[in-house]
Amino acid sequence: MSEPARRGWRWAGLALLCLISYLALSPAPPKSLDTGWDKANHLLAFAALAFCGFWSLQTPKQRLLGLPLGLLAYGGAIELIQFFVPGRSCEWADLGADSIGIALGLLLAGLAWRWLRRSS
């Protein structure tokens, strides 16, 4: 992938990171962006972050080691901070949903990458 395309994925990932941080740390996030099930919110958010992250990074080590560890640390930090946010709670089960989302995002990105390589 070209560097300009990779840069575009980085910007998309950064925008998602900002949106997810706002939603996760706001005492009353907008209901219009809520699936109705907290764990699904976490899974979808982290799947999207992992998908964008996959395309923004260059090496397999960055994609398959650094990205998941960084996203897990981010998810853990969110849970710790939520303990101090009125109306929010720290639930470690959310980190489990984050982990599943990360795995799903990487799986989908990997399948797309493989398909694109075969078709070119």
PDB file of N, CA and C in Angstrom:
ATOM      1  N   MET A   1       0.844  -1.175   0.000  1.00  0.00           N
ATOM      2  CA  MET A   1       0.000   0.000   0.000  1.00  0.00           C
ATOM      3  C   MET A   1       0.888   1.237   0.000  1.00  0.00           C
ATOM      4  N   SER A   2       0.445   2.239  -0.726  1.00  0.00           N
ATOM      5  CA  SER A   2       1.231   3.469  -0.824  1.00  0.00           C
ATOM      6  C   SER A   2       1.191   4.246   0.493  1.00  0.00           C
ATOM      7  N   GLU A   3       2.184   5.086   0.674  1.00  0.00           N
ATOM      8  CA  GLU A   3       2.242   5.893   1.898  1.00  0.00           C
ATOM      9  C   GLU A   3       1.062   6.868   2.005  1.00  0.00           C
ATOM     10  N   PRO A   4       0.637   7.525   0.905  1.00  0.00           N
ATOM     11  CA  PRO A   4      -0.545   8.389   1.027  1.00  0.00           C
ATOM     12  C   PRO A   4      -1.804   7.621   1.465  1.00  0.00           C
ATOM     13  N   ALA A   5      -1.980   6.406   0.955  1.00  0.00           N
ATOM     14  CA  ALA A   5      -3.134   5.596   1.369  1.00  0.00           C
ATOM     15  C   ALA A   5      -3.012   5.217   2.840  1.00  0.00           C
ATOM     16  N   ARG A   6      -1.820   4.839   3.248  1.00  0.00           N
ATOM     17  CA  ARG A   6      -1.581   4.483   4.655  1.00  0.00           C
ATOM     18  C   ARG A   6      -1.850   5.697   5.557  1.00  0.00           C
ATOM     19  N   ARG A   7      -1.451   6.857   5.090  1.00  0.00           N
ATOM     20  CA  ARG A   7      -1.692   8.091   5.849  1.00  0.00           C
ATOM     21  C   ARG A   7      -3.197   8.349   5.986  1.00  0.00           C
ATOM     22  N   GLY A   8      -3.949   8.075   4.944  1.00  0.00           N
ATOM     23  CA  GLY A   8      -5.407   8.230   5.005  1.00  0.00           C
ATOM     24  C   GLY A   8      -6.027   7.320   6.056  1.00  0.00           C
ATOM     25  N   TRP A   9      -5.542   6.081   6.124  1.00  0.00           N
ATOM     26  CA  TRP A   9      -6.028   5.153   7.152  1.00  0.00           C
ATOM     27  C   TRP A   9      -5.641   5.646   8.548  1.00  0.00           C
ATOM     28  N   ARG A  10      -4.466   6.259   8.658  1.00  0.00           N
ATOM     29  CA  ARG A  10      -4.059   6.804   9.968  1.00  0.00           C
ATOM     30  C   ARG A  10      -5.001   7.919  10.407  1.00  0.00           C
ATOM     31  N   TRP A  11      -5.357   8.799   9.475  1.00  0.00           N
ATOM     32  CA  TRP A  11      -6.272   9.891   9.808  1.00  0.00           C
ATOM     33  C   TRP A  11      -7.647   9.342  10.184  1.00  0.00           C
ATOM     34  N   ALA A  12      -8.110   8.341   9.450  1.00  0.00           N
ATOM     35  CA  ALA A  12      -9.401   7.720   9.777  1.00  0.00           C
ATOM     36  C   ALA A  12      -9.346   7.088  11.166  1.00  0.00           C
ATOM     37  N   GLY A  13      -8.248   6.405  11.463  1.00  0.00           N
ATOM     38  CA  GLY A  13      -8.080   5.793  12.782  1.00  0.00           C
ATOM     39  C   GLY A  13      -8.026   6.825  13.890  1.00  0.00           C
ATOM     40  N   LEU A  14      -7.349   7.936  13.637  1.00  0.00           N
ATOM     41  CA  LEU A  14      -7.267   9.003  14.640  1.00  0.00           C
ATOM     42  C   LEU A  14      -8.643   9.620  14.891  1.00  0.00           C
ATOM     43  N   ALA A  15      -9.404   9.826  13.823  1.00  0.00           N
ATOM     44  CA  ALA A  15     -10.763  10.364  13.976  1.00  0.00           C
ATOM     45  C   ALA A  15     -11.625   9.401  14.791  1.00  0.00           C
ATOM     46  N   LEU A  16     -11.516   8.110  14.487  1.00  0.00           N
ATOM     47  CA  LEU A  16     -12.250   7.099  15.260  1.00  0.00           C
ATOM     48  C   LEU A  16     -11.821   7.098  16.720  1.00  0.00           C
ATOM     49  N   LEU A  17     -10.524   7.187  16.949  1.00  0.00           N
ATOM     50  CA  LEU A  17      -9.998   7.202  18.315  1.00  0.00           C
ATOM     51  C   LEU A  17     -10.568   8.382  19.104  1.00  0.00           C
ATOM     52  N   CYS A  18     -10.628   9.542  18.472  1.00  0.00           N
ATOM     53  CA  CYS A  18     -11.198  10.727  19.137  1.00  0.00           C
ATOM     54  C   CYS A  18     -12.682  10.525  19.430  1.00  0.00           C
ATOM     55  N   LEU A  19     -13.429  10.017  18.450  1.00  0.00           N
ATOM     56  CA  LEU A  19     -14.860   9.791  18.639  1.00  0.00           C
ATOM     57  C   LEU A  19     -15.113   8.766  19.743  1.00  0.00           C
ATOM     58  N   ILE A  20     -14.380   7.664  19.709  1.00  0.00           N
ATOM     59  CA  ILE A  20     -14.561   6.610  20.711  1.00  0.00           C
ATOM     60  C   ILE A  20     -14.177   7.114  22.097  1.00  0.00           C
ATOM     61  N   SER A  21     -13.120   7.895  22.184  1.00  0.00           N
ATOM     62  CA  SER A  21     -12.721   8.460  23.482  1.00  0.00           C
ATOM     63  C   SER A  21     -13.817   9.365  24.025  1.00  0.00           C
ATOM     64  N   TYR A  22     -14.374  10.200  23.158  1.00  0.00           N
ATOM     65  CA  TYR A  22     -15.466  11.078  23.590  1.00  0.00           C
ATOM     66  C   TYR A  22     -16.660  10.252  24.082  1.00  0.00           C
ATOM     67  N   LEU A  23     -17.063   9.257  23.289  1.00  0.00           N
ATOM     68  CA  LEU A  23     -18.224   8.444  23.660  1.00  0.00           C
ATOM     69  C   LEU A  23     -17.980   7.661  24.945  1.00  0.00           C
ATOM     70  N   ALA A  24     -16.768   7.149  25.113  1.00  0.00           N
ATOM     71  CA  ALA A  24     -16.458   6.322  26.281  1.00  0.00           C
ATOM     72  C   ALA A  24     -16.297   7.134  27.555  1.00  0.00           C
ATOM     73  N   LEU A  25     -15.879   8.379  27.425  1.00  0.00           N
ATOM     74  CA  LEU A  25     -15.571   9.173  28.616  1.00  0.00           C
ATOM     75  C   LEU A  25     -16.599  10.266  28.900  1.00  0.00           C
ATOM     76  N   SER A  26     -17.608  10.365  28.071  1.00  0.00           N
ATOM     77  CA  SER A  26     -18.670  11.339  28.296  1.00  0.00           C
ATOM     78  C   SER A  26     -19.666  10.776  29.308  1.00  0.00           C
ATOM     79  N   PRO A  27     -20.076  11.585  30.273  1.00  0.00           N
ATOM     80  CA  PRO A  27     -21.066  11.095  31.240  1.00  0.00           C
ATOM     81  C   PRO A  27     -22.396  10.701  30.586  1.00  0.00           C
ATOM     82  N   ALA A  28     -22.751  11.351  29.491  1.00  0.00           N
ATOM     83  CA  ALA A  28     -24.011  11.044  28.803  1.00  0.00           C
ATOM     84  C   ALA A  28     -23.789  11.085  27.295  1.00  0.00           C
ATOM     85  N   PRO A  29     -23.227  10.010  26.719  1.00  0.00           N
ATOM     86  CA  PRO A  29     -22.986  10.007  25.271  1.00  0.00           C
ATOM     87  C   PRO A  29     -24.308   9.998  24.502  1.00  0.00           C
ATOM     88  N   PRO A  30     -24.302  10.487  23.257  1.00  0.00           N
ATOM     89  CA  PRO A  30     -25.534  10.519  22.463  1.00  0.00           C
ATOM     90  C   PRO A  30     -26.088   9.113  22.225  1.00  0.00           C
ATOM     91  N   LYS A  31     -27.385   8.968  22.395  1.00  0.00           N
ATOM     92  CA  LYS A  31     -28.040   7.658  22.222  1.00  0.00           C
ATOM     93  C   LYS A  31     -28.062   7.222  20.756  1.00  0.00           C
ATOM     94  N   SER A  32     -27.932   8.168  19.834  1.00  0.00           N
ATOM     95  CA  SER A  32     -28.001   7.834  18.408  1.00  0.00           C
ATOM     96  C   SER A  32     -26.839   6.949  17.963  1.00  0.00           C
ATOM     97  N   LEU A  33     -25.746   6.938  18.712  1.00  0.00           N
ATOM     98  CA  LEU A  33     -24.589   6.112  18.361  1.00  0.00           C
ATOM     99  C   LEU A  33     -24.490   4.867  19.237  1.00  0.00           C
ATOM    100  N   ASP A  34     -25.571   4.505  19.889  1.00  0.00           N
ATOM    101  CA  ASP A  34     -25.589   3.372  20.809  1.00  0.00           C
ATOM    102  C   ASP A  34     -26.323   2.202  20.162  1.00  0.00           C
ATOM    103  N   THR A  35     -25.742   1.006  20.224  1.00  0.00           N
ATOM    104  CA  THR A  35     -26.403  -0.178  19.672  1.00  0.00           C
ATOM    105  C   THR A  35     -27.474  -0.716  20.607  1.00  0.00           C
ATOM    106  N   GLY A  36     -27.472  -0.261  21.844  1.00  0.00           N
ATOM    107  CA  GLY A  36     -28.410  -0.776  22.828  1.00  0.00           C
ATOM    108  C   GLY A  36     -27.795  -1.837  23.726  1.00  0.00           C
ATOM    109  N   TRP A  37     -26.625  -2.316  23.349  1.00  0.00           N
ATOM    110  CA  TRP A  37     -25.926  -3.312  24.160  1.00  0.00           C
ATOM    111  C   TRP A  37     -24.475  -2.862  24.293  1.00  0.00           C
ATOM    112  N   ASP A  38     -24.074  -2.579  25.498  1.00  0.00           N
ATOM    113  CA  ASP A  38     -22.746  -2.023  25.776  1.00  0.00           C
ATOM    114  C   ASP A  38     -21.613  -2.857  25.180  1.00  0.00           C
ATOM    115  N   LYS A  39     -21.708  -4.175  25.286  1.00  0.00           N
ATOM    116  CA  LYS A  39     -20.620  -5.036  24.794  1.00  0.00           C
ATOM    117  C   LYS A  39     -20.505  -4.954  23.273  1.00  0.00           C
ATOM    118  N   ALA A  40     -21.643  -4.821  22.586  1.00  0.00           N
ATOM    119  CA  ALA A  40     -21.609  -4.660  21.126  1.00  0.00           C
ATOM    120  C   ALA A  40     -20.966  -3.330  20.754  1.00  0.00           C
ATOM    121  N   ASN A  41     -21.237  -2.287  21.546  1.00  0.00           N
ATOM    122  CA  ASN A  41     -20.589  -0.992  21.302  1.00  0.00           C
ATOM    123  C   ASN A  41     -19.074  -1.144  21.354  1.00  0.00           C
ATOM    124  N   HIS A  42     -18.586  -1.829  22.378  1.00  0.00           N
ATOM    125  CA  HIS A  42     -17.146  -2.039  22.534  1.00  0.00           C
ATOM    126  C   HIS A  42     -16.588  -2.871  21.383  1.00  0.00           C
ATOM    127  N   LEU A  43     -17.253  -3.961  21.056  1.00  0.00           N
ATOM    128  CA  LEU A  43     -16.780  -4.845  19.991  1.00  0.00           C
ATOM    129  C   LEU A  43     -16.672  -4.091  18.669  1.00  0.00           C
ATOM    130  N   LEU A  44     -17.713  -3.364  18.302  1.00  0.00           N
ATOM    131  CA  LEU A  44     -17.700  -2.634  17.027  1.00  0.00           C
ATOM    132  C   LEU A  44     -16.654  -1.528  17.006  1.00  0.00           C
ATOM    133  N   ALA A  45     -16.533  -0.809  18.110  1.00  0.00           N
ATOM    134  CA  ALA A  45     -15.555   0.279  18.170  1.00  0.00           C
ATOM    135  C   ALA A  45     -14.135  -0.249  17.995  1.00  0.00           C
ATOM    136  N   PHE A  46     -13.802  -1.322  18.698  1.00  0.00           N
ATOM    137  CA  PHE A  46     -12.438  -1.831  18.633  1.00  0.00           C
ATOM    138  C   PHE A  46     -12.176  -2.611  17.347  1.00  0.00           C
ATOM    139  N   ALA A  47     -13.215  -3.192  16.750  1.00  0.00           N
ATOM    140  CA  ALA A  47     -13.043  -3.815  15.435  1.00  0.00           C
ATOM    141  C   ALA A  47     -12.693  -2.743  14.402  1.00  0.00           C
ATOM    142  N   ALA A  48     -13.378  -1.608  14.467  1.00  0.00           N
ATOM    143  CA  ALA A  48     -13.099  -0.507  13.533  1.00  0.00           C
ATOM    144  C   ALA A  48     -11.697   0.052  13.746  1.00  0.00           C
ATOM    145  N   LEU A  49     -11.291   0.215  15.006  1.00  0.00           N
ATOM    146  CA  LEU A  49      -9.934   0.708  15.288  1.00  0.00           C
ATOM    147  C   LEU A  49      -8.879  -0.265  14.771  1.00  0.00           C
ATOM    148  N   ALA A  50      -9.092  -1.552  14.997  1.00  0.00           N
ATOM    149  CA  ALA A  50      -8.120  -2.554  14.546  1.00  0.00           C
ATOM    150  C   ALA A  50      -8.056  -2.600  13.022  1.00  0.00           C
ATOM    151  N   PHE A  51      -9.213  -2.496  12.360  1.00  0.00           N
ATOM    152  CA  PHE A  51      -9.251  -2.516  10.901  1.00  0.00           C
ATOM    153  C   PHE A  51      -8.462  -1.338  10.339  1.00  0.00           C
ATOM    154  N   CYS A  52      -8.727  -0.145  10.846  1.00  0.00           N
ATOM    155  CA  CYS A  52      -7.984   1.045  10.389  1.00  0.00           C
ATOM    156  C   CYS A  52      -6.503   0.926  10.721  1.00  0.00           C
ATOM    157  N   GLY A  53      -6.210   0.450  11.914  1.00  0.00           N
ATOM    158  CA  GLY A  53      -4.821   0.299  12.333  1.00  0.00           C
ATOM    159  C   GLY A  53      -4.049  -0.658  11.449  1.00  0.00           C
ATOM    160  N   PHE A  54      -4.689  -1.756  11.055  1.00  0.00           N
ATOM    161  CA  PHE A  54      -4.047  -2.738  10.182  1.00  0.00           C
ATOM    162  C   PHE A  54      -3.554  -2.073   8.903  1.00  0.00           C
ATOM    163  N   TRP A  55      -4.414  -1.262   8.287  1.00  0.00           N
ATOM    164  CA  TRP A  55      -4.069  -0.638   7.011  1.00  0.00           C
ATOM    165  C   TRP A  55      -3.112   0.535   7.166  1.00  0.00           C
ATOM    166  N   SER A  56      -3.024   1.091   8.367  1.00  0.00           N
ATOM    167  CA  SER A  56      -2.138   2.240   8.562  1.00  0.00           C
ATOM    168  C   SER A  56      -0.712   1.831   8.908  1.00  0.00           C
ATOM    169  N   LEU A  57      -0.516   0.573   9.257  1.00  0.00           N
ATOM    170  CA  LEU A  57       0.817   0.094   9.640  1.00  0.00           C
ATOM    171  C   LEU A  57       1.433  -0.716   8.510  1.00  0.00           C
ATOM    172  N   GLN A  58       2.759  -0.824   8.530  1.00  0.00           N
ATOM    173  CA  GLN A  58       3.450  -1.418   7.393  1.00  0.00           C
ATOM    174  C   GLN A  58       3.902  -2.857   7.616  1.00  0.00           C
ATOM    175  N   THR A  59       4.422  -3.187   8.786  1.00  0.00           N
ATOM    176  CA  THR A  59       5.013  -4.511   8.974  1.00  0.00           C
ATOM    177  C   THR A  59       4.069  -5.449   9.721  1.00  0.00           C
ATOM    178  N   PRO A  60       4.190  -6.747   9.477  1.00  0.00           N
ATOM    179  CA  PRO A  60       3.369  -7.712  10.214  1.00  0.00           C
ATOM    180  C   PRO A  60       3.548  -7.611  11.728  1.00  0.00           C
ATOM    181  N   LYS A  61       4.760  -7.316  12.182  1.00  0.00           N
ATOM    182  CA  LYS A  61       5.004  -7.192  13.623  1.00  0.00           C
ATOM    183  C   LYS A  61       4.201  -6.030  14.204  1.00  0.00           C
ATOM    184  N   GLN A  62       4.165  -4.913  13.489  1.00  0.00           N
ATOM    185  CA  GLN A  62       3.373  -3.764  13.946  1.00  0.00           C
ATOM    186  C   GLN A  62       1.889  -4.112  13.962  1.00  0.00           C
ATOM    187  N   ARG A  63       1.441  -4.792  12.905  1.00  0.00           N
ATOM    188  CA  ARG A  63       0.020  -5.103  12.753  1.00  0.00           C
ATOM    189  C   ARG A  63      -0.466  -6.152  13.750  1.00  0.00           C
ATOM    190  N   LEU A  64       0.339  -7.168  13.976  1.00  0.00           N
ATOM    191  CA  LEU A  64      -0.126  -8.315  14.755  1.00  0.00           C
ATOM    192  C   LEU A  64       0.357  -8.347  16.188  1.00  0.00           C
ATOM    193  N   LEU A  65       1.275  -7.457  16.548  1.00  0.00           N
ATOM    194  CA  LEU A  65       1.756  -7.410  17.927  1.00  0.00           C
ATOM    195  C   LEU A  65       1.541  -6.020  18.528  1.00  0.00           C
ATOM    196  N   GLY A  66       2.111  -5.020  17.907  1.00  0.00           N
ATOM    197  CA  GLY A  66       2.020  -3.670  18.452  1.00  0.00           C
ATOM    198  C   GLY A  66       0.603  -3.126  18.481  1.00  0.00           C
ATOM    199  N   LEU A  67      -0.131  -3.311  17.396  1.00  0.00           N
ATOM    200  CA  LEU A  67      -1.495  -2.786  17.314  1.00  0.00           C
ATOM    201  C   LEU A  67      -2.422  -3.410  18.357  1.00  0.00           C
ATOM    202  N   PRO A  68      -2.505  -4.745  18.440  1.00  0.00           N
ATOM    203  CA  PRO A  68      -3.407  -5.311  19.454  1.00  0.00           C
ATOM    204  C   PRO A  68      -3.017  -4.940  20.880  1.00  0.00           C
ATOM    205  N   LEU A  69      -1.729  -4.933  21.167  1.00  0.00           N
ATOM    206  CA  LEU A  69      -1.301  -4.564  22.522  1.00  0.00           C
ATOM    207  C   LEU A  69      -1.623  -3.104  22.828  1.00  0.00           C
ATOM    208  N   GLY A  70      -1.396  -2.235  21.858  1.00  0.00           N
ATOM    209  CA  GLY A  70      -1.714  -0.823  22.042  1.00  0.00           C
ATOM    210  C   GLY A  70      -3.208  -0.593  22.234  1.00  0.00           C
ATOM    211  N   LEU A  71      -4.022  -1.289  21.448  1.00  0.00           N
ATOM    212  CA  LEU A  71      -5.468  -1.132  21.590  1.00  0.00           C
ATOM    213  C   LEU A  71      -5.973  -1.706  22.908  1.00  0.00           C
ATOM    214  N   LEU A  72      -5.389  -2.813  23.356  1.00  0.00           N
ATOM    215  CA  LEU A  72      -5.767  -3.358  24.671  1.00  0.00           C
ATOM    216  C   LEU A  72      -5.400  -2.393  25.789  1.00  0.00           C
ATOM    217  N   ALA A  73      -4.240  -1.778  25.685  1.00  0.00           N
ATOM    218  CA  ALA A  73      -3.831  -0.789  26.689  1.00  0.00           C
ATOM    219  C   ALA A  73      -4.792   0.400  26.677  1.00  0.00           C
ATOM    220  N   TYR A  74      -5.182   0.835  25.499  1.00  0.00           N
ATOM    221  CA  TYR A  74      -6.148   1.931  25.366  1.00  0.00           C
ATOM    222  C   TYR A  74      -7.487   1.542  26.004  1.00  0.00           C
ATOM    223  N   GLY A  75      -7.960   0.330  25.719  1.00  0.00           N
ATOM    224  CA  GLY A  75      -9.212  -0.140  26.316  1.00  0.00           C
ATOM    225  C   GLY A  75      -9.131  -0.214  27.832  1.00  0.00           C
ATOM    226  N   GLY A  76      -7.996  -0.695  28.349  1.00  0.00           N
ATOM    227  CA  GLY A  76      -7.798  -0.749  29.795  1.00  0.00           C
ATOM    228  C   GLY A  76      -7.769   0.636  30.414  1.00  0.00           C
ATOM    229  N   ALA A  77      -7.122   1.569  29.730  1.00  0.00           N
ATOM    230  CA  ALA A  77      -7.061   2.949  30.232  1.00  0.00           C
ATOM    231  C   ALA A  77      -8.458   3.567  30.278  1.00  0.00           C
ATOM    232  N   ILE A  78      -9.258   3.301  29.250  1.00  0.00           N
ATOM    233  CA  ILE A  78     -10.634   3.810  29.245  1.00  0.00           C
ATOM    234  C   ILE A  78     -11.392   3.293  30.466  1.00  0.00           C
ATOM    235  N   GLU A  79     -11.267   1.995  30.734  1.00  0.00           N
ATOM    236  CA  GLU A  79     -11.984   1.419  31.881  1.00  0.00           C
ATOM    237  C   GLU A  79     -11.534   2.053  33.190  1.00  0.00           C
ATOM    238  N   LEU A  80     -10.249   2.262  33.344  1.00  0.00           N
ATOM    239  CA  LEU A  80      -9.748   2.886  34.577  1.00  0.00           C
ATOM    240  C   LEU A  80     -10.249   4.319  34.728  1.00  0.00           C
ATOM    241  N   ILE A  81     -10.235   5.072  33.638  1.00  0.00           N
ATOM    242  CA  ILE A  81     -10.691   6.461  33.688  1.00  0.00           C
ATOM    243  C   ILE A  81     -12.197   6.525  33.951  1.00  0.00           C
ATOM    244  N   GLN A  82     -12.964   5.587  33.377  1.00  0.00           N
ATOM    245  CA  GLN A  82     -14.410   5.597  33.574  1.00  0.00           C
ATOM    246  C   GLN A  82     -14.799   5.465  35.046  1.00  0.00           C
ATOM    247  N   PHE A  83     -13.947   4.876  35.843  1.00  0.00           N
ATOM    248  CA  PHE A  83     -14.203   4.755  37.282  1.00  0.00           C
ATOM    249  C   PHE A  83     -14.429   6.130  37.907  1.00  0.00           C
ATOM    250  N   PHE A  84     -13.772   7.147  37.357  1.00  0.00           N
ATOM    251  CA  PHE A  84     -13.834   8.499  37.908  1.00  0.00           C
ATOM    252  C   PHE A  84     -14.840   9.409  37.188  1.00  0.00           C
ATOM    253  N   VAL A  85     -15.518   8.894  36.171  1.00  0.00           N
ATOM    254  CA  VAL A  85     -16.470   9.697  35.399  1.00  0.00           C
ATOM    255  C   VAL A  85     -17.880   9.456  35.946  1.00  0.00           C
ATOM    256  N   PRO A  86     -18.562  10.520  36.363  1.00  0.00           N
ATOM    257  CA  PRO A  86     -19.931  10.354  36.874  1.00  0.00           C
ATOM    258  C   PRO A  86     -20.839   9.693  35.829  1.00  0.00           C
ATOM    259  N   GLY A  87     -21.620   8.730  36.266  1.00  0.00           N
ATOM    260  CA  GLY A  87     -22.537   8.044  35.365  1.00  0.00           C
ATOM    261  C   GLY A  87     -21.907   6.906  34.588  1.00  0.00           C
ATOM    262  N   ARG A  88     -20.617   6.680  34.748  1.00  0.00           N
ATOM    263  CA  ARG A  88     -19.916   5.594  34.048  1.00  0.00           C
ATOM    264  C   ARG A  88     -19.394   4.609  35.082  1.00  0.00           C
ATOM    265  N   SER A  89     -19.044   3.418  34.622  1.00  0.00           N
ATOM    266  CA  SER A  89     -18.494   2.423  35.541  1.00  0.00           C
ATOM    267  C   SER A  89     -17.336   1.692  34.878  1.00  0.00           C
ATOM    268  N   CYS A  90     -16.497   1.135  35.696  1.00  0.00           N
ATOM    269  CA  CYS A  90     -15.342   0.363  35.236  1.00  0.00           C
ATOM    270  C   CYS A  90     -15.756  -1.105  35.204  1.00  0.00           C
ATOM    271  N   GLU A  91     -15.888  -1.664  34.007  1.00  0.00           N
ATOM    272  CA  GLU A  91     -16.271  -3.072  33.860  1.00  0.00           C
ATOM    273  C   GLU A  91     -15.202  -3.794  33.054  1.00  0.00           C
ATOM    274  N   TRP A  92     -14.576  -4.762  33.663  1.00  0.00           N
ATOM    275  CA  TRP A  92     -13.509  -5.482  32.972  1.00  0.00           C
ATOM    276  C   TRP A  92     -14.050  -6.386  31.874  1.00  0.00           C
ATOM    277  N   ALA A  93     -15.342  -6.711  31.919  1.00  0.00           N
ATOM    278  CA  ALA A  93     -15.939  -7.478  30.821  1.00  0.00           C
ATOM    279  C   ALA A  93     -15.903  -6.666  29.525  1.00  0.00           C
ATOM    280  N   ASP A  94     -15.909  -5.338  29.655  1.00  0.00           N
ATOM    281  CA  ASP A  94     -15.788  -4.486  28.470  1.00  0.00           C
ATOM    282  C   ASP A  94     -14.453  -4.719  27.768  1.00  0.00           C
ATOM    283  N   LEU A  95     -13.418  -4.968  28.545  1.00  0.00           N
ATOM    284  CA  LEU A  95     -12.105  -5.241  27.954  1.00  0.00           C
ATOM    285  C   LEU A  95     -12.138  -6.556  27.169  1.00  0.00           C
ATOM    286  N   GLY A  96     -12.924  -7.506  27.630  1.00  0.00           N
ATOM    287  CA  GLY A  96     -13.115  -8.747  26.873  1.00  0.00           C
ATOM    288  C   GLY A  96     -13.786  -8.479  25.535  1.00  0.00           C
ATOM    289  N   ALA A  97     -14.806  -7.626  25.539  1.00  0.00           N
ATOM    290  CA  ALA A  97     -15.477  -7.256  24.288  1.00  0.00           C
ATOM    291  C   ALA A  97     -14.523  -6.493  23.371  1.00  0.00           C
ATOM    292  N   ASP A  98     -13.680  -5.644  23.967  1.00  0.00           N
ATOM    293  CA  ASP A  98     -12.654  -4.939  23.182  1.00  0.00           C
ATOM    294  C   ASP A  98     -11.731  -5.944  22.498  1.00  0.00           C
ATOM    295  N   SER A  99     -11.313  -6.958  23.241  1.00  0.00           N
ATOM    296  CA  SER A  99     -10.394  -7.976  22.710  1.00  0.00           C
ATOM    297  C   SER A  99     -11.012  -8.726  21.540  1.00  0.00           C
ATOM    298  N   ILE A 100     -12.270  -9.094  21.681  1.00  0.00           N
ATOM    299  CA  ILE A 100     -12.957  -9.790  20.587  1.00  0.00           C
ATOM    300  C   ILE A 100     -13.066  -8.865  19.378  1.00  0.00           C
ATOM    301  N   GLY A 101     -13.357  -7.598  19.613  1.00  0.00           N
ATOM    302  CA  GLY A 101     -13.425  -6.628  18.524  1.00  0.00           C
ATOM    303  C   GLY A 101     -12.091  -6.462  17.811  1.00  0.00           C
ATOM    304  N   ILE A 102     -11.013  -6.423  18.579  1.00  0.00           N
ATOM    305  CA  ILE A 102      -9.671  -6.311  17.985  1.00  0.00           C
ATOM    306  C   ILE A 102      -9.396  -7.515  17.095  1.00  0.00           C
ATOM    307  N   ALA A 103      -9.691  -8.707  17.606  1.00  0.00           N
ATOM    308  CA  ALA A 103      -9.468  -9.927  16.822  1.00  0.00           C
ATOM    309  C   ALA A 103     -10.317  -9.915  15.553  1.00  0.00           C
ATOM    310  N   LEU A 104     -11.569  -9.499  15.667  1.00  0.00           N
ATOM    311  CA  LEU A 104     -12.453  -9.444  14.506  1.00  0.00           C
ATOM    312  C   LEU A 104     -11.958  -8.431  13.475  1.00  0.00           C
ATOM    313  N   GLY A 105     -11.563  -7.255  13.934  1.00  0.00           N
ATOM    314  CA  GLY A 105     -11.057  -6.234  13.013  1.00  0.00           C
ATOM    315  C   GLY A 105      -9.809  -6.685  12.277  1.00  0.00           C
ATOM    316  N   LEU A 106      -8.897  -7.337  13.005  1.00  0.00           N
ATOM    317  CA  LEU A 106      -7.675  -7.842  12.366  1.00  0.00           C
ATOM    318  C   LEU A 106      -7.990  -8.973  11.395  1.00  0.00           C
ATOM    319  N   LEU A 107      -8.931  -9.837  11.761  1.00  0.00           N
ATOM    320  CA  LEU A 107      -9.328 -10.932  10.875  1.00  0.00           C
ATOM    321  C   LEU A 107      -9.923 -10.381   9.581  1.00  0.00           C
ATOM    322  N   LEU A 108     -10.844  -9.446   9.687  1.00  0.00           N
ATOM    323  CA  LEU A 108     -11.464  -8.872   8.490  1.00  0.00           C
ATOM    324  C   LEU A 108     -10.451  -8.129   7.624  1.00  0.00           C
ATOM    325  N   ALA A 109      -9.556  -7.376   8.250  1.00  0.00           N
ATOM    326  CA  ALA A 109      -8.524  -6.663   7.490  1.00  0.00           C
ATOM    327  C   ALA A 109      -7.581  -7.650   6.815  1.00  0.00           C
ATOM    328  N   GLY A 110      -7.210  -8.707   7.525  1.00  0.00           N
ATOM    329  CA  GLY A 110      -6.331  -9.722   6.949  1.00  0.00           C
ATOM    330  C   GLY A 110      -6.971 -10.426   5.764  1.00  0.00           C
ATOM    331  N   LEU A 111      -8.260 -10.744   5.886  1.00  0.00           N
ATOM    332  CA  LEU A 111      -8.971 -11.371   4.766  1.00  0.00           C
ATOM    333  C   LEU A 111      -9.063 -10.425   3.578  1.00  0.00           C
ATOM    334  N   ALA A 112      -9.336  -9.153   3.832  1.00  0.00           N
ATOM    335  CA  ALA A 112      -9.398  -8.164   2.751  1.00  0.00           C
ATOM    336  C   ALA A 112      -8.032  -8.004   2.090  1.00  0.00           C
ATOM    337  N   TRP A 113      -6.975  -7.966   2.903  1.00  0.00           N
ATOM    338  CA  TRP A 113      -5.615  -7.834   2.373  1.00  0.00           C
ATOM    339  C   TRP A 113      -5.283  -9.021   1.467  1.00  0.00           C
ATOM    340  N   ARG A 114      -5.640 -10.206   1.930  1.00  0.00           N
ATOM    341  CA  ARG A 114      -5.371 -11.421   1.146  1.00  0.00           C
ATOM    342  C   ARG A 114      -6.153 -11.395  -0.171  1.00  0.00           C
ATOM    343  N   TRP A 115      -7.417 -10.995  -0.115  1.00  0.00           N
ATOM    344  CA  TRP A 115      -8.244 -10.928  -1.308  1.00  0.00           C
ATOM    345  C   TRP A 115      -7.690  -9.904  -2.295  1.00  0.00           C
ATOM    346  N   LEU A 116      -7.264  -8.743  -1.790  1.00  0.00           N
ATOM    347  CA  LEU A 116      -6.707  -7.704  -2.659  1.00  0.00           C
ATOM    348  C   LEU A 116      -5.406  -8.157  -3.314  1.00  0.00           C
ATOM    349  N   ARG A 117      -4.589  -8.888  -2.581  1.00  0.00           N
ATOM    350  CA  ARG A 117      -3.324  -9.385  -3.151  1.00  0.00           C
ATOM    351  C   ARG A 117      -3.591 -10.391  -4.252  1.00  0.00           C
ATOM    352  N   ARG A 118      -4.591 -11.232  -4.072  1.00  0.00           N
ATOM    353  CA  ARG A 118      -4.911 -12.239  -5.091  1.00  0.00           C
ATOM    354  C   ARG A 118      -5.508 -11.615  -6.342  1.00  0.00           C
ATOM    355  N   SER A 119      -6.293 -10.560  -6.173  1.00  0.00           N
ATOM    356  CA  SER A 119      -6.972  -9.958  -7.321  1.00  0.00           C
ATOM    357  C   SER A 119      -6.081  -9.006  -8.116  1.00  0.00           C
ATOM    358  N   SER A 120      -4.907  -8.675  -7.580  1.00  0.00           N
ATOM    359  CA  SER A 120      -4.038  -7.745  -8.322  1.00  0.00           C
ATOM    360  C   SER A 120      -2.946  -8.455  -9.074  1.00  0.00           C
TER     361      SER A 120
END
